[in-house]
Amino acid sequence: MSAFAELVDGGVRLAIPLLIASAGELVSERAGVLNMSVEGMMLTGAFAGAVGAHTTGSASAGLVCALVAGVLVAAIQALLSVTLRADQIVTGVAANALALGATTYGARLYFTEGRTVPGFDPIAIPLLSDIPVIGPALFDLTFVGYLCVVVAVVLAVLFGKRSGFGLAVTAIGADAETADRSGLPVNAVRFGAVLLAGLTSALAGAHLVLADVHAFTDNVTAGAGYLAVAAVIAGRWKAWPTLIACLFFGLAQALQFAAPAFGIELPTAVLVMSPYLLALIAVSGLVGASRSPAGLTLPFLREARA
């Protein structure tokens, strides 16, 4: 495999968790909830998936455990930010810190004899997987990898085609009071959007441990959840540009490992921080101004309505 093909293959593999996590986060933010706890949801899903797979010997059981754990964390986040109207950024950052500490401590208690877990094997699609460069990257994924791509594309289509789902979510994020007057259940939709973000984030975490490294390590997400949030901002809260941003960040991460093959001589620290530096540039507005949903981070107060 050529150096360029390896870069593409690694970039797609690293972009898949970002892709599915950002798909759910996009729905949440379009509904008006800035779900900063994506990192914590991914990490919790990864840990639960590893424990489930290690305990049962089944990667499928691990996937189910990951999704359940992600929904539970999302339910707590939704309760705080939507129902109790707590500060969305503060609760999200706190959830991330709690998830990091809890999973690190839990892993040291549970994985006393090694952290390798059963995982999913790649499923090559005949003929398509033989296409040069893009074939191995797109058509030789695991079951979880294909699931991530399909779910992300479905969510993108729902927004791109201006479906009833997409219109309702967008209307609530743009003007919750007007949406409420029109009969839309604002808080119910926002609660559901956060739960969806929990599912997709947990799926991203499950992909990391069950389809990628087949092991759980401390802080295995390594900031991927923050990159997913940055991808939504860089994509200007639109589905397909967000997908492109995820691929861009994935390629930037893969360049850390492929740089020597291209003759790029840079300090390791520079290569490691490059995806996050690019994310910072992307969300700073230097690549073009963007407008967030008008109701983002604003709690809905029906009783305050005239």
Protein backbone atom coordinates (compact mmCIF):
# COMPACT_ATOMS: atom_id res chain seq x y z
CA MET A 1 0.00 0.00 0.00
CA SER A 2 1.38 3.42 -0.98
CA ALA A 3 2.01 6.15 1.56
CA PHE A 4 -0.94 8.15 0.21
CA ALA A 5 -3.26 5.14 0.42
CA GLU A 6 -2.15 4.54 4.01
CA LEU A 7 -2.87 8.18 4.83
CA VAL A 8 -6.38 7.94 3.36
CA ASP A 9 -7.05 4.64 5.09
CA GLY A 10 -5.87 5.96 8.44
CA GLY A 11 -7.69 9.25 7.95
CA VAL A 12 -11.03 7.56 7.28
CA ARG A 13 -10.57 5.18 10.23
CA LEU A 14 -9.87 8.08 12.58
CA ALA A 15 -12.64 10.20 11.09
CA ILE A 16 -15.40 7.63 11.65
CA PRO A 17 -15.76 8.26 15.43
CA LEU A 18 -15.74 12.01 14.76
CA LEU A 19 -18.30 11.57 12.01
CA ILE A 20 -20.89 9.70 14.07
CA ALA A 21 -20.34 11.76 17.24
CA SER A 22 -20.66 15.05 15.35
CA ALA A 23 -23.84 13.82 13.62
CA GLY A 24 -25.62 13.53 16.97
CA GLU A 25 -24.05 16.73 18.26
CA LEU A 26 -25.29 18.55 15.15
CA VAL A 27 -28.87 17.52 15.95
CA SER A 28 -28.43 18.62 19.57
CA GLU A 29 -27.01 22.02 18.66
CA ARG A 30 -29.56 22.60 15.91
CA ALA A 31 -32.18 22.01 18.61
CA GLY A 32 -30.53 24.62 20.82
CA VAL A 33 -28.50 22.48 23.24
CA LEU A 34 -24.71 22.82 23.24
CA ASN A 35 -23.78 19.34 24.40
CA MET A 36 -20.20 19.77 25.55
CA SER A 37 -20.24 16.34 27.18
CA VAL A 38 -19.61 14.48 23.90
CA GLU A 39 -16.12 13.59 25.12
CA GLY A 40 -17.49 12.14 28.35
CA MET A 41 -20.22 10.22 26.53
CA MET A 42 -17.65 8.75 24.13
CA LEU A 43 -15.35 7.79 26.98
CA THR A 44 -18.18 6.23 29.00
CA GLY A 45 -19.38 4.32 25.94
CA ALA A 46 -15.86 3.08 25.26
CA PHE A 47 -15.41 1.89 28.84
CA ALA A 48 -18.83 0.22 29.04
CA GLY A 49 -18.26 -1.43 25.68
CA ALA A 50 -14.89 -2.76 26.78
CA VAL A 51 -16.27 -4.08 30.07
CA GLY A 52 -19.25 -5.68 28.34
CA ALA A 53 -17.14 -7.34 25.67
CA HIS A 54 -14.50 -8.46 28.17
CA THR A 55 -17.08 -9.91 30.56
CA THR A 56 -19.21 -11.76 28.01
CA GLY A 57 -16.57 -12.47 25.39
CA SER A 58 -18.91 -10.93 22.80
CA ALA A 59 -18.25 -7.74 20.89
CA SER A 60 -21.98 -7.43 20.16
CA ALA A 61 -22.77 -7.47 23.88
CA GLY A 62 -20.11 -4.84 24.38
CA LEU A 63 -21.77 -2.65 21.74
CA VAL A 64 -25.12 -2.90 23.52
CA CYS A 65 -23.49 -2.00 26.85
CA ALA A 66 -21.83 1.01 25.25
CA LEU A 67 -25.12 2.32 23.84
CA VAL A 68 -26.95 1.84 27.15
CA ALA A 69 -24.21 3.69 29.04
CA GLY A 70 -24.24 6.52 26.51
CA VAL A 71 -27.99 6.98 26.86
CA LEU A 72 -27.75 7.01 30.65
CA VAL A 73 -25.11 9.76 30.62
CA ALA A 74 -27.12 11.67 28.02
CA ALA A 75 -30.26 11.40 30.15
CA ILE A 76 -28.44 13.00 33.07
CA GLN A 77 -27.06 15.71 30.80
CA ALA A 78 -30.53 16.37 29.33
CA LEU A 79 -32.10 16.46 32.78
CA LEU A 80 -29.60 19.10 33.91
CA SER A 81 -29.46 21.25 30.78
CA VAL A 82 -33.01 20.94 29.43
CA THR A 83 -35.28 20.15 32.37
CA LEU A 84 -33.41 21.95 35.17
CA ARG A 85 -32.00 24.58 32.77
CA ALA A 86 -28.47 24.41 34.20
CA ASP A 87 -25.61 26.04 32.31
CA GLN A 88 -24.95 23.79 29.31
CA ILE A 89 -21.23 24.46 29.07
CA VAL A 90 -20.53 24.00 32.78
CA THR A 91 -22.51 20.75 33.01
CA GLY A 92 -20.84 19.42 29.88
CA VAL A 93 -17.30 20.12 31.05
CA ALA A 94 -18.11 18.69 34.47
CA ALA A 95 -19.49 15.52 32.85
CA ASN A 96 -16.28 15.15 30.84
CA ALA A 97 -14.10 15.47 33.93
CA LEU A 98 -16.25 13.00 35.85
CA ALA A 99 -16.18 10.49 32.98
CA LEU A 100 -12.39 10.70 32.69
CA GLY A 101 -11.86 10.14 36.40
CA ALA A 102 -14.49 7.40 36.73
CA THR A 103 -13.35 5.39 33.70
CA THR A 104 -9.68 5.65 34.65
CA TYR A 105 -10.39 4.44 38.17
CA GLY A 106 -12.82 1.78 36.94
CA ALA A 107 -10.35 0.44 34.40
CA ARG A 108 -7.67 0.02 37.04
CA LEU A 109 -10.09 -1.88 39.22
CA TYR A 110 -11.61 -4.06 36.50
CA PHE A 111 -8.87 -4.68 33.94
CA THR A 112 -6.33 -6.18 36.32
CA GLU A 113 -5.13 -8.83 33.85
CA GLY A 114 -4.82 -6.82 30.66
CA ARG A 115 -7.15 -4.50 28.78
CA THR A 116 -7.51 -6.38 25.49
CA VAL A 117 -11.15 -6.97 24.56
CA PRO A 118 -12.96 -8.94 21.83
CA GLY A 119 -13.76 -6.82 18.82
CA PHE A 120 -15.36 -6.78 15.40
CA ASP A 121 -13.42 -7.98 12.38
CA PRO A 122 -13.37 -6.07 9.07
CA ILE A 123 -15.99 -7.05 6.49
CA ALA A 124 -14.68 -6.47 2.98
CA ILE A 125 -17.27 -5.73 0.30
CA PRO A 126 -16.34 -7.71 -2.83
CA LEU A 127 -15.01 -5.69 -5.76
CA LEU A 128 -15.52 -2.33 -4.01
CA SER A 129 -12.80 -3.07 -1.45
CA ASP A 130 -10.37 -3.67 -4.34
CA ILE A 131 -10.69 -0.11 -5.66
CA PRO A 132 -7.26 1.55 -5.36
CA VAL A 133 -6.76 3.99 -2.47
CA ILE A 134 -10.41 4.47 -1.43
CA GLY A 135 -11.46 0.80 -1.55
CA PRO A 136 -9.74 -0.39 1.65
CA ALA A 137 -10.64 2.86 3.41
CA LEU A 138 -14.37 2.84 2.67
CA PHE A 139 -15.32 -0.75 1.91
CA ASP A 140 -13.25 -2.83 4.33
CA LEU A 141 -14.76 -1.64 7.61
CA THR A 142 -16.15 -3.49 10.59
CA PHE A 143 -19.85 -3.82 11.35
CA VAL A 144 -19.58 -0.89 13.77
CA GLY A 145 -17.77 1.18 11.15
CA TYR A 146 -20.48 0.63 8.55
CA LEU A 147 -23.15 1.34 11.18
CA CYS A 148 -21.50 4.65 12.07
CA VAL A 149 -21.33 5.73 8.44
CA VAL A 150 -24.93 4.72 7.69
CA VAL A 151 -26.37 6.49 10.75
CA ALA A 152 -24.36 9.65 10.04
CA VAL A 153 -25.47 9.72 6.39
CA VAL A 154 -29.12 9.14 7.34
CA LEU A 155 -29.03 12.06 9.77
CA ALA A 156 -27.36 14.24 7.13
CA VAL A 157 -30.03 13.36 4.58
CA LEU A 158 -32.81 14.15 7.05
CA PHE A 159 -31.44 17.67 7.37
CA GLY A 160 -30.38 18.04 3.76
CA LYS A 161 -33.79 17.09 2.36
CA ARG A 162 -35.62 19.48 4.67
CA SER A 163 -37.65 16.69 6.20
CA GLY A 164 -40.22 17.28 8.92
CA PHE A 165 -37.66 16.09 11.46
CA GLY A 166 -35.02 18.52 10.27
CA LEU A 167 -37.43 21.43 10.03
CA ALA A 168 -38.80 20.84 13.53
CA VAL A 169 -35.36 20.61 15.12
CA THR A 170 -34.12 23.68 13.23
CA ALA A 171 -37.19 25.71 14.15
CA ILE A 172 -36.76 24.92 17.85
CA GLY A 173 -33.10 25.90 17.80
CA ALA A 174 -33.83 29.11 15.91
CA ASP A 175 -36.81 30.39 17.93
CA ALA A 176 -38.11 28.15 20.70
CA GLU A 177 -40.97 30.46 21.65
CA THR A 178 -42.38 30.60 18.13
CA ALA A 179 -41.93 26.85 17.75
CA ASP A 180 -43.81 26.34 21.01
CA ARG A 181 -46.67 28.55 19.81
CA SER A 182 -46.90 26.42 16.67
CA GLY A 183 -47.38 23.31 18.80
CA LEU A 184 -43.91 21.81 18.79
CA PRO A 185 -42.86 20.16 22.10
CA VAL A 186 -39.69 22.19 22.57
CA ASN A 187 -38.25 20.58 25.67
CA ALA A 188 -39.23 17.07 24.57
CA VAL A 189 -37.43 17.51 21.25
CA ARG A 190 -34.38 18.98 22.97
CA PHE A 191 -34.35 16.13 25.49
CA GLY A 192 -34.55 13.62 22.64
CA ALA A 193 -31.80 15.42 20.72
CA VAL A 194 -29.44 15.08 23.69
CA LEU A 195 -30.32 11.39 24.00
CA LEU A 196 -29.53 10.96 20.30
CA ALA A 197 -26.19 12.67 20.85
CA GLY A 198 -25.55 10.21 23.68
CA LEU A 199 -26.27 7.27 21.41
CA THR A 200 -24.02 8.50 18.61
CA SER A 201 -21.23 9.46 21.00
CA ALA A 202 -21.38 6.05 22.67
CA LEU A 203 -21.28 4.44 19.23
CA ALA A 204 -18.17 6.46 18.49
CA GLY A 205 -16.58 5.25 21.73
CA ALA A 206 -17.55 1.67 20.95
CA HIS A 207 -15.89 2.00 17.55
CA LEU A 208 -12.65 3.05 19.20
CA VAL A 209 -12.38 0.03 21.52
CA LEU A 210 -14.27 -2.67 19.61
CA ALA A 211 -13.36 -1.91 16.00
CA ASP A 212 -10.12 0.03 16.16
CA VAL A 213 -7.68 -0.73 19.01
CA HIS A 214 -9.54 -3.73 20.55
CA ALA A 215 -8.50 -2.55 24.00
CA PHE A 216 -9.34 0.07 26.58
CA THR A 217 -6.71 2.53 27.71
CA ASP A 218 -6.98 5.54 29.99
CA ASN A 219 -8.43 8.52 28.10
CA VAL A 220 -8.74 6.42 24.94
CA THR A 221 -10.78 9.17 23.26
CA ALA A 222 -7.89 11.64 23.60
CA GLY A 223 -10.03 14.70 22.90
CA ALA A 224 -11.99 13.21 19.98
CA GLY A 225 -15.24 14.44 21.52
CA TYR A 226 -14.00 18.01 21.47
CA LEU A 227 -12.97 17.60 17.84
CA ALA A 228 -16.50 16.39 17.06
CA VAL A 229 -17.94 19.57 18.59
CA ALA A 230 -15.38 21.64 16.66
CA ALA A 231 -16.38 19.87 13.44
CA VAL A 232 -19.99 21.01 13.90
CA ILE A 233 -18.84 24.60 14.33
CA ALA A 234 -16.37 24.36 11.44
CA GLY A 235 -19.17 22.91 9.30
CA ARG A 236 -21.33 25.94 10.17
CA TRP A 237 -24.04 23.76 11.66
CA LYS A 238 -24.70 22.10 8.30
CA ALA A 239 -24.63 18.34 7.78
CA TRP A 240 -22.40 17.81 4.76
CA PRO A 241 -19.81 20.51 5.61
CA THR A 242 -19.60 18.94 9.09
CA LEU A 243 -18.88 15.57 7.45
CA ILE A 244 -16.10 17.16 5.40
CA ALA A 245 -14.65 18.76 8.53
CA CYS A 246 -14.56 15.35 10.23
CA LEU A 247 -12.66 13.86 7.30
CA PHE A 248 -10.24 16.79 7.41
CA PHE A 249 -9.60 16.30 11.12
CA GLY A 250 -9.22 12.55 10.58
CA LEU A 251 -6.58 13.09 7.91
CA ALA A 252 -4.78 15.54 10.19
CA GLN A 253 -4.67 12.89 12.93
CA ALA A 254 -3.48 10.23 10.49
CA LEU A 255 -0.67 12.49 9.32
CA GLN A 256 0.95 11.99 12.73
CA PHE A 257 1.75 8.42 11.71
CA ALA A 258 2.18 8.90 7.95
CA ALA A 259 4.45 11.96 8.06
CA PRO A 260 7.76 9.99 7.89
CA ALA A 261 6.59 8.19 4.74
CA PHE A 262 6.11 11.58 3.06
CA GLY A 263 9.49 12.84 4.22
CA ILE A 264 7.95 15.32 6.65
CA GLU A 265 10.38 15.96 9.48
CA LEU A 266 8.57 17.65 12.35
CA PRO A 267 8.76 17.20 16.12
CA THR A 268 6.31 14.59 17.40
CA ALA A 269 4.63 17.15 19.63
CA VAL A 270 3.81 19.34 16.63
CA LEU A 271 2.23 16.43 14.77
CA VAL A 272 0.21 15.39 17.81
CA MET A 273 -1.22 18.85 18.37
CA SER A 274 -1.83 19.61 14.67
CA PRO A 275 -5.47 18.33 14.57
CA TYR A 276 -6.38 20.49 17.57
CA LEU A 277 -4.56 23.51 16.15
CA LEU A 278 -6.49 23.11 12.89
CA ALA A 279 -9.72 22.76 14.88
CA LEU A 280 -8.91 26.00 16.72
CA ILE A 281 -8.36 27.79 13.42
CA ALA A 282 -11.57 26.33 12.00
CA VAL A 283 -13.77 27.54 14.87
CA SER A 284 -12.06 30.93 15.23
CA GLY A 285 -13.75 32.40 12.16
CA LEU A 286 -10.52 32.79 10.21
CA VAL A 287 -11.86 30.51 7.45
CA GLY A 288 -15.16 32.36 7.16
CA ALA A 289 -17.84 33.70 9.43
CA SER A 290 -20.63 31.42 10.57
CA ARG A 291 -23.89 31.92 12.40
CA SER A 292 -24.91 29.53 15.13
CA PRO A 293 -28.57 28.65 15.84
CA ALA A 294 -30.11 31.70 17.52
CA GLY A 295 -31.34 29.68 20.50
CA LEU A 296 -28.13 27.76 21.13
CA THR A 297 -27.40 27.47 24.91
CA LEU A 298 -30.59 29.40 25.75
CA PRO A 299 -33.01 27.49 28.01
CA PHE A 300 -36.68 27.51 27.10
CA LEU A 301 -38.86 29.18 29.72
CA ARG A 302 -42.50 28.73 28.86
CA GLU A 303 -43.66 30.53 31.98
CA ALA A 304 -41.76 33.63 30.90
CA ARG A 305 -43.68 33.83 27.64
CA ALA A 306 -46.17 36.67 27.29
